[in-house]
Amino acid sequence: MAGGGTAARALARVGNGARAARRGRVLGPEETLGLLEASVVYREGALLALSKPPGLPVLGQPEQLSLVALLPALRRRLGFTSELHVVKAPARECSGLVLLSSCHRSSERLQRFFNDARQRGRAVTVGVPAEAEGEIRTGLRWQQHGDTALVVPVLAPGRCSLARKEVKNTLTRYRVLGAAGGCALLQLQPRTAFPEQLLVHLTLLLCPALGDHEHASRVGKVLGVPFLLPPEAAPTRTQVLDAELVARLGLSPQQLCHLPLHLHLQQLVLPQGLLCTPPPPYFLRTLRCLGLPGDQET
């Protein structure tokens, strides 16, 4: 049930979409629909799994392109007679496995079955964690900063704030799969769910994800030594990479703002077994450019 072979055959077509996004070209509904149709990795009965490209939100504003807005057309293309529902999906900026179902009862059963320990992701990070494996534990909360709502860590949340659900305790386990040239490939296993959890946790490791243009500015450097900045002192901006890393990635300065996020939901554990999909082509290209391993399945 791994699904990797089918996904691999679709990677070339999905890669065209990722390259278009990297050049800053916005994909239209028909092109995005074609990418989703080509990226199906598993289909059995009412269940459908596909690999989502980065940049596509699950839900969107009215008139905004989103996965949910495309589901009716995708259902017709794939020949489902009933409406498709989202069971599990990565965030907008991430690539990776989306699990859909055309049966309400199956959707509800799977959503009860799922906890966040049943998924694993991969991330390329700028920086290498001090420990080869470990876990990140912190509280997370939303905080308004001007017109922007930020997800910020709360290192020692109080019982009252937890009881009022103003703060949620969160946990991610990580393992370094490889490191080279100041970058690393990490396996991530979130044990809780909170918006932007993995990205914020990576900044707490002082190793932001490559292509994270929202949170990477929270990690500064003095004489090459990384340190953590408070979120309110770190405005969102294009991720700053040193010239040597930019050269190794083969990017021009103009391409940096379109560098996609290197965070991929690679595995889901279903009652039927393990479902896997390989990272998209731009992710695999980065692994080759940086000399990081690209063939782990565990």
C-alpha atoms as a PDB file:
ATOM      1  CA  MET A   1       0.000   0.000   0.000  1.00  0.00           C
ATOM      2  CA  ALA A   2       3.025   2.299   0.045  1.00  0.00           C
ATOM      3  CA  GLY A   3       1.936   4.147  -3.075  1.00  0.00           C
ATOM      4  CA  GLY A   4       5.436   5.350  -3.932  1.00  0.00           C
ATOM      5  CA  GLY A   5       5.556   3.858  -7.435  1.00  0.00           C
ATOM      6  CA  THR A   6       2.421   5.608  -8.626  1.00  0.00           C
ATOM      7  CA  ALA A   7       3.576   8.868  -7.078  1.00  0.00           C
ATOM      8  CA  ALA A   8       6.979   8.586  -8.714  1.00  0.00           C
ATOM      9  CA  ARG A   9       5.400   8.250 -12.152  1.00  0.00           C
ATOM     10  CA  ALA A  10       3.473  11.459 -11.543  1.00  0.00           C
ATOM     11  CA  LEU A  11       6.406  13.464 -10.223  1.00  0.00           C
ATOM     12  CA  ALA A  12       7.503  14.872 -13.578  1.00  0.00           C
ATOM     13  CA  ARG A  13       4.134  16.486 -14.197  1.00  0.00           C
ATOM     14  CA  VAL A  14       3.829  17.720 -10.619  1.00  0.00           C
ATOM     15  CA  GLY A  15       7.335  19.131 -10.951  1.00  0.00           C
ATOM     16  CA  ASN A  16       6.205  21.381 -13.781  1.00  0.00           C
ATOM     17  CA  GLY A  17       3.773  23.042 -11.387  1.00  0.00           C
ATOM     18  CA  ALA A  18       6.424  23.458  -8.719  1.00  0.00           C
ATOM     19  CA  ARG A  19       8.811  25.042 -11.231  1.00  0.00           C
ATOM     20  CA  ALA A  20       6.091  27.420 -12.377  1.00  0.00           C
ATOM     21  CA  ALA A  21       5.420  28.416  -8.773  1.00  0.00           C
ATOM     22  CA  ARG A  22       9.143  28.895  -8.177  1.00  0.00           C
ATOM     23  CA  ARG A  23       9.243  31.312 -11.115  1.00  0.00           C
ATOM     24  CA  GLY A  24       6.362  33.225  -9.530  1.00  0.00           C
ATOM     25  CA  ARG A  25       3.714  32.226 -12.055  1.00  0.00           C
ATOM     26  CA  VAL A  26       0.318  31.575 -10.482  1.00  0.00           C
ATOM     27  CA  LEU A  27      -1.268  28.318 -11.612  1.00  0.00           C
ATOM     28  CA  GLY A  28      -4.848  28.456 -12.852  1.00  0.00           C
ATOM     29  CA  PRO A  29      -7.681  26.085 -11.897  1.00  0.00           C
ATOM     30  CA  GLU A  30      -7.308  23.770 -14.891  1.00  0.00           C
ATOM     31  CA  GLU A  31      -3.543  23.411 -14.483  1.00  0.00           C
ATOM     32  CA  THR A  32      -3.840  22.825 -10.733  1.00  0.00           C
ATOM     33  CA  LEU A  33      -6.616  20.302 -11.324  1.00  0.00           C
ATOM     34  CA  GLY A  34      -4.381  18.458 -13.774  1.00  0.00           C
ATOM     35  CA  LEU A  35      -1.586  18.345 -11.196  1.00  0.00           C
ATOM     36  CA  LEU A  36      -3.930  16.885  -8.574  1.00  0.00           C
ATOM     37  CA  GLU A  37      -5.291  14.293 -10.997  1.00  0.00           C
ATOM     38  CA  ALA A  38      -1.749  13.268 -11.939  1.00  0.00           C
ATOM     39  CA  SER A  39      -0.620  12.998  -8.322  1.00  0.00           C
ATOM     40  CA  VAL A  40      -3.064  10.295  -7.125  1.00  0.00           C
ATOM     41  CA  VAL A  41      -1.043   7.750  -5.122  1.00  0.00           C
ATOM     42  CA  TYR A  42      -3.810   5.535  -3.699  1.00  0.00           C
ATOM     43  CA  ARG A  43      -7.424   4.705  -4.499  1.00  0.00           C
ATOM     44  CA  GLU A  44      -9.542   2.002  -2.926  1.00  0.00           C
ATOM     45  CA  GLY A  45     -13.305   2.126  -2.493  1.00  0.00           C
ATOM     46  CA  ALA A  46     -14.287   5.478  -1.032  1.00  0.00           C
ATOM     47  CA  LEU A  47     -10.689   6.447  -0.174  1.00  0.00           C
ATOM     48  CA  LEU A  48      -8.436   8.581  -2.352  1.00  0.00           C
ATOM     49  CA  ALA A  49      -4.938   9.844  -1.552  1.00  0.00           C
ATOM     50  CA  LEU A  50      -2.959  12.322  -3.608  1.00  0.00           C
ATOM     51  CA  SER A  51       0.170  14.420  -3.218  1.00  0.00           C
ATOM     52  CA  LYS A  52      -0.565  18.135  -2.906  1.00  0.00           C
ATOM     53  CA  PRO A  53       1.829  20.720  -4.366  1.00  0.00           C
ATOM     54  CA  PRO A  54       3.038  23.517  -2.082  1.00  0.00           C
ATOM     55  CA  GLY A  55       1.125  26.792  -2.098  1.00  0.00           C
ATOM     56  CA  LEU A  56      -2.355  25.320  -2.513  1.00  0.00           C
ATOM     57  CA  PRO A  57      -4.588  26.012   0.525  1.00  0.00           C
ATOM     58  CA  VAL A  58      -7.065  23.400   1.659  1.00  0.00           C
ATOM     59  CA  LEU A  59      -9.683  26.067   2.353  1.00  0.00           C
ATOM     60  CA  GLY A  60      -9.700  29.491   0.769  1.00  0.00           C
ATOM     61  CA  GLN A  61     -11.530  32.763   0.657  1.00  0.00           C
ATOM     62  CA  PRO A  62     -14.406  33.137  -1.831  1.00  0.00           C
ATOM     63  CA  GLU A  63     -13.023  33.299  -5.375  1.00  0.00           C
ATOM     64  CA  GLN A  64      -9.679  31.934  -4.137  1.00  0.00           C
ATOM     65  CA  LEU A  65      -8.216  28.772  -5.632  1.00  0.00           C
ATOM     66  CA  SER A  66      -8.203  26.011  -3.026  1.00  0.00           C
ATOM     67  CA  LEU A  67      -8.296  22.244  -2.739  1.00  0.00           C
ATOM     68  CA  VAL A  68     -11.895  22.247  -1.488  1.00  0.00           C
ATOM     69  CA  ALA A  69     -13.000  24.484  -4.376  1.00  0.00           C
ATOM     70  CA  LEU A  70     -11.495  21.995  -6.849  1.00  0.00           C
ATOM     71  CA  LEU A  71     -12.994  18.852  -5.281  1.00  0.00           C
ATOM     72  CA  PRO A  72     -16.242  18.833  -7.331  1.00  0.00           C
ATOM     73  CA  ALA A  73     -14.302  18.969 -10.609  1.00  0.00           C
ATOM     74  CA  LEU A  74     -11.750  16.429  -9.338  1.00  0.00           C
ATOM     75  CA  ARG A  75     -14.590  14.082  -8.339  1.00  0.00           C
ATOM     76  CA  ARG A  76     -16.021  14.226 -11.871  1.00  0.00           C
ATOM     77  CA  ARG A  77     -12.626  13.678 -13.511  1.00  0.00           C
ATOM     78  CA  LEU A  78     -11.899  10.643 -11.364  1.00  0.00           C
ATOM     79  CA  GLY A  79     -15.390   9.170 -11.671  1.00  0.00           C
ATOM     80  CA  PHE A  80     -16.538   9.356  -8.050  1.00  0.00           C
ATOM     81  CA  THR A  81     -20.314   9.439  -7.773  1.00  0.00           C
ATOM     82  CA  SER A  82     -20.396  11.009  -4.297  1.00  0.00           C
ATOM     83  CA  GLU A  83     -18.940  14.219  -2.945  1.00  0.00           C
ATOM     84  CA  LEU A  84     -15.313  14.090  -1.789  1.00  0.00           C
ATOM     85  CA  HIS A  85     -14.411  15.213   1.746  1.00  0.00           C
ATOM     86  CA  VAL A  86     -10.999  16.122   3.184  1.00  0.00           C
ATOM     87  CA  VAL A  87      -9.903  13.728   5.940  1.00  0.00           C
ATOM     88  CA  LYS A  88      -6.271  14.831   6.319  1.00  0.00           C
ATOM     89  CA  ALA A  89      -4.185  17.426   4.499  1.00  0.00           C
ATOM     90  CA  PRO A  90      -1.006  19.450   5.032  1.00  0.00           C
ATOM     91  CA  ALA A  91      -1.048  23.226   5.385  1.00  0.00           C
ATOM     92  CA  ARG A  92      -1.041  25.559   2.398  1.00  0.00           C
ATOM     93  CA  GLU A  93       2.730  26.050   2.235  1.00  0.00           C
ATOM     94  CA  CYS A  94       3.538  22.334   2.576  1.00  0.00           C
ATOM     95  CA  SER A  95       3.575  19.581   0.008  1.00  0.00           C
ATOM     96  CA  GLY A  96       2.511  16.034   0.704  1.00  0.00           C
ATOM     97  CA  LEU A  97      -0.257  13.552   1.291  1.00  0.00           C
ATOM     98  CA  VAL A  98      -3.918  14.536   1.182  1.00  0.00           C
ATOM     99  CA  LEU A  99      -6.447  11.901   2.220  1.00  0.00           C
ATOM    100  CA  LEU A 100      -9.969  12.237   0.779  1.00  0.00           C
ATOM    101  CA  SER A 101     -13.103  10.146   1.166  1.00  0.00           C
ATOM    102  CA  SER A 102     -16.403   9.995  -0.705  1.00  0.00           C
ATOM    103  CA  CYS A 103     -18.165   8.406   2.287  1.00  0.00           C
ATOM    104  CA  HIS A 104     -19.202  10.505   5.292  1.00  0.00           C
ATOM    105  CA  ARG A 105     -19.099   7.512   7.607  1.00  0.00           C
ATOM    106  CA  SER A 106     -15.592   6.558   6.483  1.00  0.00           C
ATOM    107  CA  SER A 107     -14.454  10.178   6.864  1.00  0.00           C
ATOM    108  CA  GLU A 108     -15.736  10.366  10.440  1.00  0.00           C
ATOM    109  CA  ARG A 109     -14.230   6.997  11.337  1.00  0.00           C
ATOM    110  CA  LEU A 110     -10.819   7.956   9.937  1.00  0.00           C
ATOM    111  CA  GLN A 111     -10.852  11.344  11.636  1.00  0.00           C
ATOM    112  CA  ARG A 112     -11.479   9.587  14.963  1.00  0.00           C
ATOM    113  CA  PHE A 113      -8.699   7.116  14.151  1.00  0.00           C
ATOM    114  CA  PHE A 114      -6.170   9.782  13.286  1.00  0.00           C
ATOM    115  CA  ASN A 115      -3.959  11.426  15.799  1.00  0.00           C
ATOM    116  CA  ASP A 116      -0.921  13.399  14.821  1.00  0.00           C
ATOM    117  CA  ALA A 117       1.440  10.611  15.804  1.00  0.00           C
ATOM    118  CA  ARG A 118       0.197   8.836  12.671  1.00  0.00           C
ATOM    119  CA  GLN A 119       2.002  11.124  10.266  1.00  0.00           C
ATOM    120  CA  ARG A 120       5.637  11.794   9.425  1.00  0.00           C
ATOM    121  CA  GLY A 121       7.212  14.545   7.414  1.00  0.00           C
ATOM    122  CA  ARG A 122      10.549  15.568   5.939  1.00  0.00           C
ATOM    123  CA  ALA A 123      12.140  19.004   6.115  1.00  0.00           C
ATOM    124  CA  VAL A 124      15.325  20.515   4.733  1.00  0.00           C
ATOM    125  CA  THR A 125      16.629  22.970   7.317  1.00  0.00           C
ATOM    126  CA  VAL A 126      19.095  25.825   7.235  1.00  0.00           C
ATOM    127  CA  GLY A 127      21.210  24.773  10.181  1.00  0.00           C
ATOM    128  CA  VAL A 128      21.862  21.428  11.863  1.00  0.00           C
ATOM    129  CA  PRO A 129      20.325  20.580  15.265  1.00  0.00           C
ATOM    130  CA  ALA A 130      22.787  20.182  18.116  1.00  0.00           C
ATOM    131  CA  GLU A 131      21.365  16.720  18.893  1.00  0.00           C
ATOM    132  CA  ALA A 132      20.879  13.973  16.307  1.00  0.00           C
ATOM    133  CA  GLU A 133      17.386  13.297  17.622  1.00  0.00           C
ATOM    134  CA  GLY A 134      15.108  14.731  20.211  1.00  0.00           C
ATOM    135  CA  GLU A 135      11.839  16.520  20.777  1.00  0.00           C
ATOM    136  CA  ILE A 136      10.571  20.075  20.905  1.00  0.00           C
ATOM    137  CA  ARG A 137       8.048  20.847  23.639  1.00  0.00           C
ATOM    138  CA  THR A 138       6.496  24.268  24.009  1.00  0.00           C
ATOM    139  CA  GLY A 139       3.199  26.029  24.356  1.00  0.00           C
ATOM    140  CA  LEU A 140       1.883  27.801  21.270  1.00  0.00           C
ATOM    141  CA  ARG A 141      -0.648  30.601  21.007  1.00  0.00           C
ATOM    142  CA  TRP A 142      -1.942  33.171  18.562  1.00  0.00           C
ATOM    143  CA  GLN A 143      -0.781  36.736  19.217  1.00  0.00           C
ATOM    144  CA  GLN A 144      -1.943  39.845  17.426  1.00  0.00           C
ATOM    145  CA  HIS A 145       0.857  42.113  16.235  1.00  0.00           C
ATOM    146  CA  GLY A 146      -0.564  45.126  14.416  1.00  0.00           C
ATOM    147  CA  ASP A 147      -2.728  43.803  11.609  1.00  0.00           C
ATOM    148  CA  THR A 148      -1.060  40.385  11.669  1.00  0.00           C
ATOM    149  CA  ALA A 149      -1.817  37.329  13.811  1.00  0.00           C
ATOM    150  CA  LEU A 150       1.352  35.411  14.700  1.00  0.00           C
ATOM    151  CA  VAL A 151       1.870  31.951  16.165  1.00  0.00           C
ATOM    152  CA  VAL A 152       4.293  32.433  19.051  1.00  0.00           C
ATOM    153  CA  PRO A 153       5.890  30.038  21.539  1.00  0.00           C
ATOM    154  CA  VAL A 154       5.033  30.136  25.237  1.00  0.00           C
ATOM    155  CA  LEU A 155       7.847  28.313  26.996  1.00  0.00           C
ATOM    156  CA  ALA A 156       6.126  27.994  30.387  1.00  0.00           C
ATOM    157  CA  PRO A 157       2.353  28.259  29.904  1.00  0.00           C
ATOM    158  CA  GLY A 158       0.279  28.704  33.038  1.00  0.00           C
ATOM    159  CA  ARG A 159      -2.530  26.367  34.036  1.00  0.00           C
ATOM    160  CA  CYS A 160      -5.145  29.100  33.605  1.00  0.00           C
ATOM    161  CA  SER A 161      -4.111  29.938  30.043  1.00  0.00           C
ATOM    162  CA  LEU A 162      -4.117  26.229  29.184  1.00  0.00           C
ATOM    163  CA  ALA A 163      -7.531  25.728  30.785  1.00  0.00           C
ATOM    164  CA  ARG A 164      -8.934  28.711  28.840  1.00  0.00           C
ATOM    165  CA  LYS A 165      -7.337  27.193  25.694  1.00  0.00           C
ATOM    166  CA  GLU A 166      -5.448  30.409  25.050  1.00  0.00           C
ATOM    167  CA  VAL A 167      -2.299  28.291  24.857  1.00  0.00           C
ATOM    168  CA  LYS A 168      -1.827  24.689  23.736  1.00  0.00           C
ATOM    169  CA  ASN A 169       1.032  22.428  24.806  1.00  0.00           C
ATOM    170  CA  THR A 170       2.682  21.021  21.667  1.00  0.00           C
ATOM    171  CA  LEU A 171       5.259  18.333  20.934  1.00  0.00           C
ATOM    172  CA  THR A 172       7.253  17.338  17.855  1.00  0.00           C
ATOM    173  CA  ARG A 173       9.812  14.549  17.670  1.00  0.00           C
ATOM    174  CA  TYR A 174      12.650  14.873  15.183  1.00  0.00           C
ATOM    175  CA  ARG A 175      15.550  12.845  13.847  1.00  0.00           C
ATOM    176  CA  VAL A 176      18.447  14.025  11.696  1.00  0.00           C
ATOM    177  CA  LEU A 177      18.631  11.836   8.581  1.00  0.00           C
ATOM    178  CA  GLY A 178      21.642  13.595   7.118  1.00  0.00           C
ATOM    179  CA  ALA A 179      23.654  16.817   7.277  1.00  0.00           C
ATOM    180  CA  ALA A 180      25.981  18.586   4.867  1.00  0.00           C
ATOM    181  CA  GLY A 181      27.288  22.112   4.406  1.00  0.00           C
ATOM    182  CA  GLY A 182      25.363  23.578   7.324  1.00  0.00           C
ATOM    183  CA  CYS A 183      21.994  22.139   6.213  1.00  0.00           C
ATOM    184  CA  ALA A 184      20.113  19.051   7.348  1.00  0.00           C
ATOM    185  CA  LEU A 185      17.370  16.659   6.321  1.00  0.00           C
ATOM    186  CA  LEU A 186      15.052  15.988   9.259  1.00  0.00           C
ATOM    187  CA  GLN A 187      12.316  13.470   9.882  1.00  0.00           C
ATOM    188  CA  LEU A 188       9.498  15.140  11.823  1.00  0.00           C
ATOM    189  CA  GLN A 189       6.741  13.444  13.779  1.00  0.00           C
ATOM    190  CA  PRO A 190       4.251  15.887  15.309  1.00  0.00           C
ATOM    191  CA  ARG A 191       2.442  14.457  18.323  1.00  0.00           C
ATOM    192  CA  THR A 192       0.032  17.404  18.562  1.00  0.00           C
ATOM    193  CA  ALA A 193      -1.651  19.692  16.056  1.00  0.00           C
ATOM    194  CA  PHE A 194      -1.475  23.481  15.998  1.00  0.00           C
ATOM    195  CA  PRO A 195      -1.277  25.829  12.984  1.00  0.00           C
ATOM    196  CA  GLU A 196       2.343  26.359  11.876  1.00  0.00           C
ATOM    197  CA  GLN A 197       3.530  24.028  14.644  1.00  0.00           C
ATOM    198  CA  LEU A 198       6.366  22.406  12.710  1.00  0.00           C
ATOM    199  CA  LEU A 199       7.685  25.681  11.319  1.00  0.00           C
ATOM    200  CA  VAL A 200       7.726  27.398  14.711  1.00  0.00           C
ATOM    201  CA  HIS A 201       9.294  24.331  16.349  1.00  0.00           C
ATOM    202  CA  LEU A 202      12.086  24.343  13.762  1.00  0.00           C
ATOM    203  CA  THR A 203      12.905  27.961  14.608  1.00  0.00           C
ATOM    204  CA  LEU A 204      13.197  26.929  18.273  1.00  0.00           C
ATOM    205  CA  LEU A 205      15.849  24.432  17.118  1.00  0.00           C
ATOM    206  CA  LEU A 206      17.545  27.444  15.425  1.00  0.00           C
ATOM    207  CA  CYS A 207      17.125  25.493  12.164  1.00  0.00           C
ATOM    208  CA  PRO A 208      14.344  27.095  10.092  1.00  0.00           C
ATOM    209  CA  ALA A 209      12.970  25.184   7.125  1.00  0.00           C
ATOM    210  CA  LEU A 210      14.428  26.085   3.747  1.00  0.00           C
ATOM    211  CA  GLY A 211      11.914  28.280   1.918  1.00  0.00           C
ATOM    212  CA  ASP A 212      10.156  29.440   5.105  1.00  0.00           C
ATOM    213  CA  HIS A 213       9.703  33.120   4.299  1.00  0.00           C
ATOM    214  CA  GLU A 214       7.421  33.699   7.280  1.00  0.00           C
ATOM    215  CA  HIS A 215       9.274  32.367  10.327  1.00  0.00           C
ATOM    216  CA  ALA A 216      12.956  32.121   9.306  1.00  0.00           C
ATOM    217  CA  SER A 217      13.595  35.777  10.238  1.00  0.00           C
ATOM    218  CA  ARG A 218      13.099  34.766  13.886  1.00  0.00           C
ATOM    219  CA  VAL A 219      16.540  33.128  13.745  1.00  0.00           C
ATOM    220  CA  GLY A 220      19.341  35.696  13.578  1.00  0.00           C
ATOM    221  CA  LYS A 221      23.110  35.278  13.446  1.00  0.00           C
ATOM    222  CA  VAL A 222      26.032  37.076  15.069  1.00  0.00           C
ATOM    223  CA  LEU A 223      29.484  36.031  13.871  1.00  0.00           C
ATOM    224  CA  GLY A 224      27.896  32.918  12.398  1.00  0.00           C
ATOM    225  CA  VAL A 225      26.235  31.856  15.659  1.00  0.00           C
ATOM    226  CA  PRO A 226      22.414  31.562  15.449  1.00  0.00           C
ATOM    227  CA  PHE A 227      20.133  33.026  18.114  1.00  0.00           C
ATOM    228  CA  LEU A 228      16.389  33.374  18.558  1.00  0.00           C
ATOM    229  CA  LEU A 229      14.627  36.695  18.040  1.00  0.00           C
ATOM    230  CA  PRO A 230      11.188  37.446  19.526  1.00  0.00           C
ATOM    231  CA  PRO A 231       8.496  37.175  16.818  1.00  0.00           C
ATOM    232  CA  GLU A 232       7.505  40.845  17.156  1.00  0.00           C
ATOM    233  CA  ALA A 233      11.107  41.846  16.364  1.00  0.00           C
ATOM    234  CA  ALA A 234      11.325  39.620  13.292  1.00  0.00           C
ATOM    235  CA  PRO A 235       9.085  40.919  10.487  1.00  0.00           C
ATOM    236  CA  THR A 236       8.124  38.556   7.692  1.00  0.00           C
ATOM    237  CA  ARG A 237      10.537  38.741   4.760  1.00  0.00           C
ATOM    238  CA  THR A 238      12.166  36.618   2.086  1.00  0.00           C
ATOM    239  CA  GLN A 239      14.429  34.099   3.804  1.00  0.00           C
ATOM    240  CA  VAL A 240      18.033  35.302   3.946  1.00  0.00           C
ATOM    241  CA  LEU A 241      20.558  32.682   2.817  1.00  0.00           C
ATOM    242  CA  ASP A 242      24.314  33.074   2.638  1.00  0.00           C
ATOM    243  CA  ALA A 243      25.899  33.439  -0.776  1.00  0.00           C
ATOM    244  CA  GLU A 244      27.557  30.001  -0.676  1.00  0.00           C
ATOM    245  CA  LEU A 245      24.239  28.231  -0.045  1.00  0.00           C
ATOM    246  CA  VAL A 246      22.493  30.230  -2.781  1.00  0.00           C
ATOM    247  CA  ALA A 247      25.249  29.209  -5.197  1.00  0.00           C
ATOM    248  CA  ARG A 248      24.990  25.533  -4.211  1.00  0.00           C
ATOM    249  CA  LEU A 249      21.238  25.657  -4.842  1.00  0.00           C
ATOM    250  CA  GLY A 250      21.843  27.246  -8.258  1.00  0.00           C
ATOM    251  CA  LEU A 251      19.500  30.152  -7.531  1.00  0.00           C
ATOM    252  CA  SER A 252      19.623  33.773  -8.556  1.00  0.00           C
ATOM    253  CA  PRO A 253      18.782  36.471  -5.971  1.00  0.00           C
ATOM    254  CA  GLN A 254      15.532  37.101  -7.869  1.00  0.00           C
ATOM    255  CA  GLN A 255      14.493  33.457  -7.424  1.00  0.00           C
ATOM    256  CA  LEU A 256      14.883  33.432  -3.641  1.00  0.00           C
ATOM    257  CA  CYS A 257      11.480  34.973  -2.941  1.00  0.00           C
ATOM    258  CA  HIS A 258       9.871  32.133  -4.939  1.00  0.00           C
ATOM    259  CA  LEU A 259      11.839  29.343  -3.246  1.00  0.00           C
ATOM    260  CA  PRO A 260       9.132  26.875  -2.095  1.00  0.00           C
ATOM    261  CA  LEU A 261       8.941  25.581   1.435  1.00  0.00           C
ATOM    262  CA  HIS A 262      10.888  22.350   1.905  1.00  0.00           C
ATOM    263  CA  LEU A 263       8.427  20.680   4.276  1.00  0.00           C
ATOM    264  CA  HIS A 264       6.724  17.553   2.968  1.00  0.00           C
ATOM    265  CA  LEU A 265       4.119  15.258   4.582  1.00  0.00           C
ATOM    266  CA  GLN A 266       5.527  11.932   3.403  1.00  0.00           C
ATOM    267  CA  GLN A 267       3.760   9.222   5.414  1.00  0.00           C
ATOM    268  CA  LEU A 268       0.329   8.533   6.867  1.00  0.00           C
ATOM    269  CA  VAL A 269      -0.576   5.458   8.888  1.00  0.00           C
ATOM    270  CA  LEU A 270      -4.032   4.147   7.957  1.00  0.00           C
ATOM    271  CA  PRO A 271      -5.888   1.169   9.425  1.00  0.00           C
ATOM    272  CA  GLN A 272      -5.083  -0.589   6.127  1.00  0.00           C
ATOM    273  CA  GLY A 273      -1.337   0.103   6.406  1.00  0.00           C
ATOM    274  CA  LEU A 274       1.323   2.705   5.648  1.00  0.00           C
ATOM    275  CA  LEU A 275       0.770   5.218   2.869  1.00  0.00           C
ATOM    276  CA  CYS A 276       3.832   6.988   1.429  1.00  0.00           C
ATOM    277  CA  THR A 277       4.637   9.501  -1.278  1.00  0.00           C
ATOM    278  CA  PRO A 278       8.066  10.829  -2.286  1.00  0.00           C
ATOM    279  CA  PRO A 279       8.909  14.521  -2.035  1.00  0.00           C
ATOM    280  CA  PRO A 280       8.299  16.715  -5.090  1.00  0.00           C
ATOM    281  CA  PRO A 281      11.033  17.227  -7.691  1.00  0.00           C
ATOM    282  CA  TYR A 282      12.257  20.597  -6.360  1.00  0.00           C
ATOM    283  CA  PHE A 283      12.766  18.976  -2.927  1.00  0.00           C
ATOM    284  CA  LEU A 284      14.717  16.055  -4.433  1.00  0.00           C
ATOM    285  CA  ARG A 285      16.804  18.479  -6.513  1.00  0.00           C
ATOM    286  CA  THR A 286      17.720  20.390  -3.356  1.00  0.00           C
ATOM    287  CA  LEU A 287      18.819  17.160  -1.664  1.00  0.00           C
ATOM    288  CA  ARG A 288      21.120  16.423  -4.604  1.00  0.00           C
ATOM    289  CA  CYS A 289      22.521  19.971  -4.671  1.00  0.00           C
ATOM    290  CA  LEU A 290      23.280  19.884  -0.951  1.00  0.00           C
ATOM    291  CA  GLY A 291      24.550  16.294  -0.855  1.00  0.00           C
ATOM    292  CA  LEU A 292      21.794  15.162   1.499  1.00  0.00           C
ATOM    293  CA  PRO A 293      20.352  11.622   1.433  1.00  0.00           C
ATOM    294  CA  GLY A 294      17.113  11.188  -0.470  1.00  0.00           C
ATOM    295  CA  ASP A 295      16.111   7.536  -0.241  1.00  0.00           C
ATOM    296  CA  GLN A 296      14.943   6.960   3.345  1.00  0.00           C
ATOM    297  CA  GLU A 297      11.535   5.347   3.722  1.00  0.00           C
ATOM    298  CA  THR A 298      11.355   5.144   7.538  1.00  0.00           C
END
